[in-house]
């Protein structure tokens, strides 16, 4: 990740079409994305953020 001049962090990840689950790791703790399209449970029954790519 790269820190931007405004203090925000940025990372661009190419994704294929479909739904993708993810979490942020903040100080070693998994966190959901407050700006995500939604939240679901992953295969380990952990909460995960979700994004749809068309």
C-alpha atoms as a PDB file:
ATOM      1  CA  UNK A   1       0.000   0.000   0.000  1.00  0.00           C
ATOM      2  CA  UNK A   2       1.057   3.556  -0.583  1.00  0.00           C
ATOM      3  CA  UNK A   3       0.296   6.441   1.746  1.00  0.00           C
ATOM      4  CA  UNK A   4      -1.241   9.394  -0.090  1.00  0.00           C
ATOM      5  CA  UNK A   5      -0.526  13.062   0.649  1.00  0.00           C
ATOM      6  CA  UNK A   6      -3.898  13.343   2.440  1.00  0.00           C
ATOM      7  CA  UNK A   7      -2.891  10.536   4.846  1.00  0.00           C
ATOM      8  CA  UNK A   8      -5.114   7.869   3.264  1.00  0.00           C
ATOM      9  CA  UNK A   9      -3.693   4.528   2.152  1.00  0.00           C
ATOM     10  CA  UNK A  10      -4.147   3.292  -1.436  1.00  0.00           C
ATOM     11  CA  UNK A  11      -3.840  -0.089  -3.119  1.00  0.00           C
ATOM     12  CA  UNK A  12      -5.222  -1.026  -6.521  1.00  0.00           C
ATOM     13  CA  UNK A  13      -5.996  -4.713  -7.104  1.00  0.00           C
ATOM     14  CA  UNK A  14      -7.193  -6.027 -10.485  1.00  0.00           C
ATOM     15  CA  UNK A  15     -10.284  -8.227 -10.007  1.00  0.00           C
ATOM     16  CA  UNK A  16     -12.124 -10.532 -12.375  1.00  0.00           C
ATOM     17  CA  UNK A  17     -15.861 -10.299 -12.891  1.00  0.00           C
ATOM     18  CA  UNK A  18     -17.969 -11.618 -10.017  1.00  0.00           C
ATOM     19  CA  UNK A  19     -18.326 -11.211  -6.259  1.00  0.00           C
ATOM     20  CA  UNK A  20     -15.231 -10.924  -4.064  1.00  0.00           C
ATOM     21  CA  UNK A  21     -14.935 -11.122  -0.269  1.00  0.00           C
ATOM     22  CA  UNK A  22     -12.278  -9.219   1.644  1.00  0.00           C
ATOM     23  CA  UNK A  23     -11.207  -7.798   5.000  1.00  0.00           C
ATOM     24  CA  UNK A  24      -8.817  -5.061   6.007  1.00  0.00           C
ATOM     25  CA  UNK A  25      -6.066  -5.914   8.471  1.00  0.00           C
ATOM     26  CA  UNK A  26      -5.610  -2.960  10.839  1.00  0.00           C
ATOM     27  CA  UNK A  27      -2.914  -3.291  13.488  1.00  0.00           C
ATOM     28  CA  UNK A  28      -3.189  -7.068  13.178  1.00  0.00           C
ATOM     29  CA  UNK A  29      -6.986  -7.126  13.583  1.00  0.00           C
ATOM     30  CA  UNK A  30      -9.405  -7.982  10.746  1.00  0.00           C
ATOM     31  CA  UNK A  31     -11.830  -5.131  10.021  1.00  0.00           C
ATOM     32  CA  UNK A  32     -14.789  -4.781   7.687  1.00  0.00           C
ATOM     33  CA  UNK A  33     -14.855  -2.006   5.106  1.00  0.00           C
ATOM     34  CA  UNK A  34     -17.374   0.626   6.260  1.00  0.00           C
ATOM     35  CA  UNK A  35     -17.834   1.656   2.605  1.00  0.00           C
ATOM     36  CA  UNK A  36     -18.369  -1.894   1.273  1.00  0.00           C
ATOM     37  CA  UNK A  37     -21.437  -2.881  -0.776  1.00  0.00           C
ATOM     38  CA  UNK A  38     -22.345  -5.257   2.040  1.00  0.00           C
ATOM     39  CA  UNK A  39     -21.094  -7.835   4.512  1.00  0.00           C
ATOM     40  CA  UNK A  40     -21.392 -11.633   4.454  1.00  0.00           C
ATOM     41  CA  UNK A  41     -19.826 -14.652   6.152  1.00  0.00           C
ATOM     42  CA  UNK A  42     -16.866 -16.358   4.465  1.00  0.00           C
ATOM     43  CA  UNK A  43     -16.140 -20.117   4.331  1.00  0.00           C
ATOM     44  CA  UNK A  44     -14.816 -19.986   7.923  1.00  0.00           C
ATOM     45  CA  UNK A  45     -17.982 -18.207   9.150  1.00  0.00           C
ATOM     46  CA  UNK A  46     -16.031 -14.967   9.675  1.00  0.00           C
ATOM     47  CA  UNK A  47     -17.532 -11.606   8.676  1.00  0.00           C
ATOM     48  CA  UNK A  48     -16.213 -10.285   5.354  1.00  0.00           C
ATOM     49  CA  UNK A  49     -16.875  -7.256   3.180  1.00  0.00           C
ATOM     50  CA  UNK A  50     -18.174  -7.919  -0.329  1.00  0.00           C
ATOM     51  CA  UNK A  51     -17.729  -6.178  -3.674  1.00  0.00           C
ATOM     52  CA  UNK A  52     -19.366  -7.020  -7.020  1.00  0.00           C
ATOM     53  CA  UNK A  53     -17.370  -6.463 -10.209  1.00  0.00           C
ATOM     54  CA  UNK A  54     -19.291  -6.372 -13.501  1.00  0.00           C
END
